[in-house]
PDB file of N, CA and C in Angstrom:
ATOM      1  N   MET A   1      90.356 100.168  87.209  1.00  0.00           N
ATOM      2  CA  MET A   1      91.767  99.959  86.946  1.00  0.00           C
ATOM      3  C   MET A   1      92.098 100.616  85.611  1.00  0.00           C
ATOM      4  N   THR A   2      93.178 101.356  85.600  1.00  0.00           N
ATOM      5  CA  THR A   2      93.622 102.014  84.373  1.00  0.00           C
ATOM      6  C   THR A   2      94.672 101.156  83.673  1.00  0.00           C
ATOM      7  N   PHE A   3      95.034 101.547  82.479  1.00  0.00           N
ATOM      8  CA  PHE A   3      96.070 100.814  81.744  1.00  0.00           C
ATOM      9  C   PHE A   3      97.422 100.941  82.437  1.00  0.00           C
ATOM     10  N   LYS A   4      97.666 102.090  83.056  1.00  0.00           N
ATOM     11  CA  LYS A   4      98.915 102.268  83.814  1.00  0.00           C
ATOM     12  C   LYS A   4      98.953 101.329  85.016  1.00  0.00           C
ATOM     13  N   ASP A   5      97.809 101.186  85.702  1.00  0.00           N
ATOM     14  CA  ASP A   5      97.732 100.258  86.835  1.00  0.00           C
ATOM     15  C   ASP A   5      97.984  98.829  86.379  1.00  0.00           C
ATOM     16  N   LEU A   6      97.376  98.462  85.267  1.00  0.00           N
ATOM     17  CA  LEU A   6      97.548  97.122  84.716  1.00  0.00           C
ATOM     18  C   LEU A   6      99.003  96.879  84.335  1.00  0.00           C
ATOM     19  N   GLU A   7      99.614  97.850  83.671  1.00  0.00           N
ATOM     20  CA  GLU A   7     101.008  97.728  83.269  1.00  0.00           C
ATOM     21  C   GLU A   7     101.909  97.572  84.491  1.00  0.00           C
ATOM     22  N   PHE A   8     101.670  98.384  85.509  1.00  0.00           N
ATOM     23  CA  PHE A   8     102.471  98.318  86.727  1.00  0.00           C
ATOM     24  C   PHE A   8     102.311  96.963  87.411  1.00  0.00           C
ATOM     25  N   MET A   9     101.086  96.465  87.495  1.00  0.00           N
ATOM     26  CA  MET A   9     100.827  95.184  88.141  1.00  0.00           C
ATOM     27  C   MET A   9     101.528  94.041  87.402  1.00  0.00           C
ATOM     28  N   LEU A  10     101.502  94.082  86.087  1.00  0.00           N
ATOM     29  CA  LEU A  10     102.156  93.039  85.298  1.00  0.00           C
ATOM     30  C   LEU A  10     103.672  93.086  85.471  1.00  0.00           C
ATOM     31  N   GLU A  11     104.242  94.282  85.409  1.00  0.00           N
ATOM     32  CA  GLU A  11     105.689  94.423  85.576  1.00  0.00           C
ATOM     33  C   GLU A  11     106.123  94.013  86.981  1.00  0.00           C
ATOM     34  N   LEU A  12     105.320  94.351  87.962  1.00  0.00           N
ATOM     35  CA  LEU A  12     105.623  94.013  89.343  1.00  0.00           C
ATOM     36  C   LEU A  12     105.641  92.504  89.571  1.00  0.00           C
ATOM     37  N   ASN A  13     104.840  91.787  88.800  1.00  0.00           N
ATOM     38  CA  ASN A  13     104.754  90.339  88.947  1.00  0.00           C
ATOM     39  C   ASN A  13     105.658  89.580  87.985  1.00  0.00           C
ATOM     40  N   GLY A  14     106.583  90.268  87.339  1.00  0.00           N
ATOM     41  CA  GLY A  14     107.609  89.603  86.547  1.00  0.00           C
ATOM     42  C   GLY A  14     107.206  89.179  85.148  1.00  0.00           C
ATOM     43  N   VAL A  15     106.174  89.802  84.592  1.00  0.00           N
ATOM     44  CA  VAL A  15     105.776  89.492  83.223  1.00  0.00           C
ATOM     45  C   VAL A  15     106.753  90.182  82.283  1.00  0.00           C
ATOM     46  N   MET A  16     107.228  89.432  81.293  1.00  0.00           N
ATOM     47  CA  MET A  16     108.213  89.975  80.346  1.00  0.00           C
ATOM     48  C   MET A  16     107.608  91.142  79.558  1.00  0.00           C
ATOM     49  N   ARG A  17     108.451  92.085  79.160  1.00  0.00           N
ATOM     50  CA  ARG A  17     107.997  93.322  78.524  1.00  0.00           C
ATOM     51  C   ARG A  17     107.166  93.059  77.268  1.00  0.00           C
ATOM     52  N   LYS A  18     107.598  92.114  76.432  1.00  0.00           N
ATOM     53  CA  LYS A  18     106.842  91.836  75.199  1.00  0.00           C
ATOM     54  C   LYS A  18     105.459  91.291  75.525  1.00  0.00           C
ATOM     55  N   ASP A  19     105.348  90.527  76.628  1.00  0.00           N
ATOM     56  CA  ASP A  19     104.058  90.004  77.046  1.00  0.00           C
ATOM     57  C   ASP A  19     103.197  91.101  77.664  1.00  0.00           C
ATOM     58  N   VAL A  20     103.816  92.038  78.368  1.00  0.00           N
ATOM     59  CA  VAL A  20     103.089  93.182  78.913  1.00  0.00           C
ATOM     60  C   VAL A  20     102.486  93.995  77.771  1.00  0.00           C
ATOM     61  N   ASP A  21     103.272  94.243  76.736  1.00  0.00           N
ATOM     62  CA  ASP A  21     102.774  94.992  75.579  1.00  0.00           C
ATOM     63  C   ASP A  21     101.605  94.271  74.916  1.00  0.00           C
ATOM     64  N   TYR A  22     101.715  92.942  74.797  1.00  0.00           N
ATOM     65  CA  TYR A  22     100.628  92.152  74.209  1.00  0.00           C
ATOM     66  C   TYR A  22      99.358  92.274  75.046  1.00  0.00           C
ATOM     67  N   ILE A  23      99.486  92.131  76.372  1.00  0.00           N
ATOM     68  CA  ILE A  23      98.319  92.218  77.249  1.00  0.00           C
ATOM     69  C   ILE A  23      97.702  93.610  77.201  1.00  0.00           C
ATOM     70  N   LEU A  24      98.533  94.651  77.137  1.00  0.00           N
ATOM     71  CA  LEU A  24      97.994  96.007  77.037  1.00  0.00           C
ATOM     72  C   LEU A  24      97.239  96.207  75.727  1.00  0.00           C
ATOM     73  N   ASP A  25      97.783  95.703  74.622  1.00  0.00           N
ATOM     74  CA  ASP A  25      97.070  95.783  73.341  1.00  0.00           C
ATOM     75  C   ASP A  25      95.771  94.986  73.381  1.00  0.00           C
ATOM     76  N   PHE A  26      95.844  93.802  73.965  1.00  0.00           N
ATOM     77  CA  PHE A  26      94.656  92.956  74.108  1.00  0.00           C
ATOM     78  C   PHE A  26      93.585  93.686  74.916  1.00  0.00           C
ATOM     79  N   SER A  27      93.995  94.360  76.001  1.00  0.00           N
ATOM     80  CA  SER A  27      93.055  95.065  76.862  1.00  0.00           C
ATOM     81  C   SER A  27      92.476  96.300  76.190  1.00  0.00           C
ATOM     82  N   ARG A  28      93.258  96.952  75.365  1.00  0.00           N
ATOM     83  CA  ARG A  28      92.741  98.130  74.651  1.00  0.00           C
ATOM     84  C   ARG A  28      91.655  97.718  73.663  1.00  0.00           C
ATOM     85  N   LYS A  29      91.801  96.525  73.062  1.00  0.00           N
ATOM     86  CA  LYS A  29      90.817  96.043  72.101  1.00  0.00           C
ATOM     87  C   LYS A  29      89.579  95.485  72.786  1.00  0.00           C
ATOM     88  N   ASN A  30      89.769  94.756  73.888  1.00  0.00           N
ATOM     89  CA  ASN A  30      88.671  94.025  74.525  1.00  0.00           C
ATOM     90  C   ASN A  30      88.198  94.631  75.843  1.00  0.00           C
ATOM     91  N   GLY A  31      88.859  95.679  76.323  1.00  0.00           N
ATOM     92  CA  GLY A  31      88.520  96.259  77.612  1.00  0.00           C
ATOM     93  C   GLY A  31      89.286  95.551  78.720  1.00  0.00           C
ATOM     94  N   ILE A  32      89.299  96.156  79.866  1.00  0.00           N
ATOM     95  CA  ILE A  32      90.026  95.577  80.997  1.00  0.00           C
ATOM     96  C   ILE A  32      89.073  94.630  81.723  1.00  0.00           C
ATOM     97  N   ASP A  33      89.092  93.383  81.297  1.00  0.00           N
ATOM     98  CA  ASP A  33      88.297  92.328  81.913  1.00  0.00           C
ATOM     99  C   ASP A  33      89.261  91.377  82.613  1.00  0.00           C
ATOM    100  N   VAL A  34      89.138  91.284  83.920  1.00  0.00           N
ATOM    101  CA  VAL A  34      90.090  90.541  84.740  1.00  0.00           C
ATOM    102  C   VAL A  34      90.199  89.079  84.286  1.00  0.00           C
ATOM    103  N   GLU A  35      89.063  88.447  84.050  1.00  0.00           N
ATOM    104  CA  GLU A  35      89.083  87.030  83.672  1.00  0.00           C
ATOM    105  C   GLU A  35      89.746  86.826  82.314  1.00  0.00           C
ATOM    106  N   GLN A  36      89.440  87.666  81.354  1.00  0.00           N
ATOM    107  CA  GLN A  36      90.037  87.534  80.027  1.00  0.00           C
ATOM    108  C   GLN A  36      91.547  87.762  80.079  1.00  0.00           C
ATOM    109  N   ILE A  37      91.972  88.745  80.835  1.00  0.00           N
ATOM    110  CA  ILE A  37      93.403  89.030  80.947  1.00  0.00           C
ATOM    111  C   ILE A  37      94.125  87.858  81.597  1.00  0.00           C
ATOM    112  N   ASP A  38      93.547  87.329  82.672  1.00  0.00           N
ATOM    113  CA  ASP A  38      94.166  86.180  83.333  1.00  0.00           C
ATOM    114  C   ASP A  38      94.160  84.944  82.435  1.00  0.00           C
ATOM    115  N   ASP A  39      93.116  84.781  81.625  1.00  0.00           N
ATOM    116  CA  ASP A  39      93.095  83.660  80.675  1.00  0.00           C
ATOM    117  C   ASP A  39      94.234  83.797  79.663  1.00  0.00           C
ATOM    118  N   GLU A  40      94.438  85.006  79.176  1.00  0.00           N
ATOM    119  CA  GLU A  40      95.538  85.239  78.227  1.00  0.00           C
ATOM    120  C   GLU A  40      96.889  84.993  78.896  1.00  0.00           C
ATOM    121  N   LEU A  41      97.033  85.435  80.141  1.00  0.00           N
ATOM    122  CA  LEU A  41      98.282  85.194  80.871  1.00  0.00           C
ATOM    123  C   LEU A  41      98.515  83.699  81.064  1.00  0.00           C
ATOM    124  N   ASN A  42      97.438  82.951  81.350  1.00  0.00           N
ATOM    125  CA  ASN A  42      97.544  81.500  81.486  1.00  0.00           C
ATOM    126  C   ASN A  42      98.014  80.858  80.188  1.00  0.00           C
ATOM    127  N   LYS A  43      97.481  81.329  79.067  1.00  0.00           N
ATOM    128  CA  LYS A  43      97.888  80.785  77.757  1.00  0.00           C
ATOM    129  C   LYS A  43      99.373  81.026  77.492  1.00  0.00           C
ATOM    130  N   MET A  44      99.901  82.129  78.056  1.00  0.00           N
ATOM    131  CA  MET A  44     101.316  82.460  77.863  1.00  0.00           C
ATOM    132  C   MET A  44     102.214  81.799  78.901  1.00  0.00           C
ATOM    133  N   GLY A  45     101.610  81.076  79.863  1.00  0.00           N
ATOM    134  CA  GLY A  45     102.399  80.353  80.841  1.00  0.00           C
ATOM    135  C   GLY A  45     102.552  81.038  82.185  1.00  0.00           C
ATOM    136  N   TYR A  46     101.824  82.114  82.399  1.00  0.00           N
ATOM    137  CA  TYR A  46     101.877  82.818  83.678  1.00  0.00           C
ATOM    138  C   TYR A  46     100.717  82.368  84.568  1.00  0.00           C
ATOM    139  N   GLU A  47     100.861  82.655  85.869  1.00  0.00           N
ATOM    140  CA  GLU A  47      99.767  82.378  86.795  1.00  0.00           C
ATOM    141  C   GLU A  47      98.690  83.446  86.629  1.00  0.00           C
ATOM    142  N   ARG A  48      97.567  83.236  87.293  1.00  0.00           N
ATOM    143  CA  ARG A  48      96.478  84.211  87.258  1.00  0.00           C
ATOM    144  C   ARG A  48      96.843  85.374  88.182  1.00  0.00           C
ATOM    145  N   ILE A  49      97.463  86.375  87.621  1.00  0.00           N
ATOM    146  CA  ILE A  49      98.037  87.479  88.395  1.00  0.00           C
ATOM    147  C   ILE A  49      96.974  88.470  88.843  1.00  0.00           C
ATOM    148  N   ILE A  50      96.127  88.887  87.945  1.00  0.00           N
ATOM    149  CA  ILE A  50      95.206  89.988  88.215  1.00  0.00           C
ATOM    150  C   ILE A  50      94.198  89.609  89.296  1.00  0.00           C
ATOM    151  N   GLU A  51      93.563  88.452  89.155  1.00  0.00           N
ATOM    152  CA  GLU A  51      92.584  88.025  90.160  1.00  0.00           C
ATOM    153  C   GLU A  51      93.231  87.880  91.528  1.00  0.00           C
ATOM    154  N   ASN A  52      94.419  87.291  91.568  1.00  0.00           N
ATOM    155  CA  ASN A  52      95.108  87.091  92.843  1.00  0.00           C
ATOM    156  C   ASN A  52      95.465  88.416  93.490  1.00  0.00           C
ATOM    157  N   GLU A  53      95.933  89.374  92.705  1.00  0.00           N
ATOM    158  CA  GLU A  53      96.296  90.689  93.242  1.00  0.00           C
ATOM    159  C   GLU A  53      95.072  91.425  93.766  1.00  0.00           C
ATOM    160  N   LEU A  54      93.973  91.374  93.028  1.00  0.00           N
ATOM    161  CA  LEU A  54      92.775  92.092  93.453  1.00  0.00           C
ATOM    162  C   LEU A  54      92.173  91.465  94.707  1.00  0.00           C
ATOM    163  N   GLU A  55      92.209  90.135  94.804  1.00  0.00           N
ATOM    164  CA  GLU A  55      91.681  89.472  95.998  1.00  0.00           C
ATOM    165  C   GLU A  55      92.529  89.797  97.214  1.00  0.00           C
ATOM    166  N   SER A  56      93.837  89.811  97.065  1.00  0.00           N
ATOM    167  CA  SER A  56      94.700  90.073  98.212  1.00  0.00           C
ATOM    168  C   SER A  56      94.651  91.536  98.641  1.00  0.00           C
ATOM    169  N   SER A  57      94.268  92.430  97.736  1.00  0.00           N
ATOM    170  CA  SER A  57      94.192  93.839  98.113  1.00  0.00           C
ATOM    171  C   SER A  57      93.004  94.109  99.035  1.00  0.00           C
ATOM    172  N   TRP A  58      92.015  93.228  99.060  1.00  0.00           N
ATOM    173  CA  TRP A  58      90.868  93.411  99.938  1.00  0.00           C
ATOM    174  C   TRP A  58      91.111  92.822 101.318  1.00  0.00           C
ATOM    175  N   ASP A  59      92.241  92.171 101.532  1.00  0.00           N
ATOM    176  CA  ASP A  59      92.539  91.552 102.812  1.00  0.00           C
ATOM    177  C   ASP A  59      93.194  92.520 103.787  1.00  0.00           C
ATOM    178  N   ASP A  60      93.012  93.804 103.595  1.00  0.00           N
ATOM    179  CA  ASP A  60      93.640  94.800 104.457  1.00  0.00           C
ATOM    180  C   ASP A  60      93.044  94.814 105.858  1.00  0.00           C
ATOM    181  N   GLU A  61      91.882  94.181 106.040  1.00  0.00           N
ATOM    182  CA  GLU A  61      91.264  94.161 107.350  1.00  0.00           C
ATOM    183  C   GLU A  61      92.111  93.394 108.349  1.00  0.00           C
ATOM    184  N   ASP A  62      92.931  92.480 107.882  1.00  0.00           N
ATOM    185  CA  ASP A  62      93.758  91.668 108.760  1.00  0.00           C
ATOM    186  C   ASP A  62      94.995  92.405 109.247  1.00  0.00           C
ATOM    187  N   ASP A  63      95.298  93.550 108.650  1.00  0.00           N
ATOM    188  CA  ASP A  63      96.474  94.298 109.065  1.00  0.00           C
ATOM    189  C   ASP A  63      96.257  94.833 110.476  1.00  0.00           C
ATOM    190  N   GLU A  64      97.263  94.630 111.312  1.00  0.00           N
ATOM    191  CA  GLU A  64      97.146  95.102 112.685  1.00  0.00           C
ATOM    192  C   GLU A  64      98.144  96.221 112.915  1.00  0.00           C
ATOM    193  N   TYR A  65      97.607  97.388 113.178  1.00  0.00           N
ATOM    194  CA  TYR A  65      98.440  98.536 113.483  1.00  0.00           C
ATOM    195  C   TYR A  65      98.177  98.926 114.927  1.00  0.00           C
ATOM    196  N   GLU A  66      99.212  99.320 115.601  1.00  0.00           N
ATOM    197  CA  GLU A  66      99.049  99.759 116.973  1.00  0.00           C
ATOM    198  C   GLU A  66      98.460 101.161 116.996  1.00  0.00           C
ATOM    199  N   HIS A  67      97.853 101.481 118.096  1.00  0.00           N
ATOM    200  CA  HIS A  67      97.265 102.805 118.268  1.00  0.00           C
ATOM    201  C   HIS A  67      98.373 103.860 118.310  1.00  0.00           C
ATOM    202  N   VAL A  68      98.160 104.928 117.595  1.00  0.00           N
ATOM    203  CA  VAL A  68      99.121 106.020 117.580  1.00  0.00           C
ATOM    204  C   VAL A  68      98.486 107.215 118.256  1.00  0.00           C
ATOM    205  N   GLU A  69      99.186 107.771 119.255  1.00  0.00           N
ATOM    206  CA  GLU A  69      98.670 108.929 119.958  1.00  0.00           C
ATOM    207  C   GLU A  69      99.359 110.174 119.418  1.00  0.00           C
ATOM    208  N   LYS A  70      98.567 111.136 119.016  1.00  0.00           N
ATOM    209  CA  LYS A  70      99.124 112.369 118.473  1.00  0.00           C
ATOM    210  C   LYS A  70      99.685 113.227 119.598  1.00  0.00           C
ATOM    211  N   PHE A  71     100.663 114.042 119.253  1.00  0.00           N
ATOM    212  CA  PHE A  71     101.210 114.988 120.210  1.00  0.00           C
ATOM    213  C   PHE A  71     100.215 116.122 120.408  1.00  0.00           C
ATOM    214  N   SER A  72     100.151 116.613 121.614  1.00  0.00           N
ATOM    215  CA  SER A  72      99.246 117.729 121.863  1.00  0.00           C
ATOM    216  C   SER A  72      99.824 118.998 121.243  1.00  0.00           C
ATOM    217  N   HIS A  73      98.989 119.943 120.973  1.00  0.00           N
ATOM    218  CA  HIS A  73      99.438 121.193 120.363  1.00  0.00           C
ATOM    219  C   HIS A  73     100.097 122.123 121.375  1.00  0.00           C
ATOM    220  N   ARG A  74      99.791 121.952 122.624  1.00  0.00           N
ATOM    221  CA  ARG A  74     100.315 122.813 123.663  1.00  0.00           C
ATOM    222  C   ARG A  74     101.655 122.254 124.146  1.00  0.00           C
ATOM    223  N   ASN A  75     102.609 123.115 124.279  1.00  0.00           N
ATOM    224  CA  ASN A  75     103.918 122.674 124.773  1.00  0.00           C
ATOM    225  C   ASN A  75     103.843 122.401 126.263  1.00  0.00           C
ATOM    226  N   LYS A  76     104.496 121.365 126.682  1.00  0.00           N
ATOM    227  CA  LYS A  76     104.546 121.021 128.101  1.00  0.00           C
ATOM    228  C   LYS A  76     106.007 121.068 128.531  1.00  0.00           C
ATOM    229  N   TYR A  77     106.306 122.004 129.394  1.00  0.00           N
ATOM    230  CA  TYR A  77     107.667 122.148 129.879  1.00  0.00           C
ATOM    231  C   TYR A  77     107.732 121.736 131.329  1.00  0.00           C
ATOM    232  N   SER A  78     108.839 121.221 131.684  1.00  0.00           N
ATOM    233  CA  SER A  78     109.035 120.784 133.076  1.00  0.00           C
ATOM    234  C   SER A  78     110.054 121.702 133.741  1.00  0.00           C
ATOM    235  N   ASP A  79     109.856 122.021 135.012  1.00  0.00           N
ATOM    236  CA  ASP A  79     110.790 122.853 135.758  1.00  0.00           C
ATOM    237  C   ASP A  79     111.785 122.013 136.531  1.00  0.00           C
ATOM    238  N   ASP A  80     111.990 120.788 136.161  1.00  0.00           N
ATOM    239  CA  ASP A  80     112.880 119.877 136.876  1.00  0.00           C
ATOM    240  C   ASP A  80     114.346 120.251 136.722  1.00  0.00           C
ATOM    241  N   TYR A  81     114.690 121.065 135.770  1.00  0.00           N
ATOM    242  CA  TYR A  81     116.085 121.359 135.473  1.00  0.00           C
ATOM    243  C   TYR A  81     116.626 122.561 136.256  1.00  0.00           C
ATOM    244  N   GLU A  82     115.881 123.193 137.099  1.00  0.00           N
ATOM    245  CA  GLU A  82     116.363 124.369 137.817  1.00  0.00           C
ATOM    246  C   GLU A  82     117.124 124.041 139.031  1.00  0.00           C
TER     247      GLU A  82
END
């Protein structure tokens, strides 16, 4: 995770700008450690955002997409219109 990713995740979850700046400074000094960042967010009154986001990002296996059939490269024309 980069600092830009961290900043985006915090902003996306409604963390106030001054708190985002604090967390980014904290992370630059101590490294991007998920538990430490979430502990700091807890101290500021926020939920544990980072752990929850990372856990939910691995749940993509539950996504159900229907099968998509590609179009063939060869054109198929019908003579029904004559």
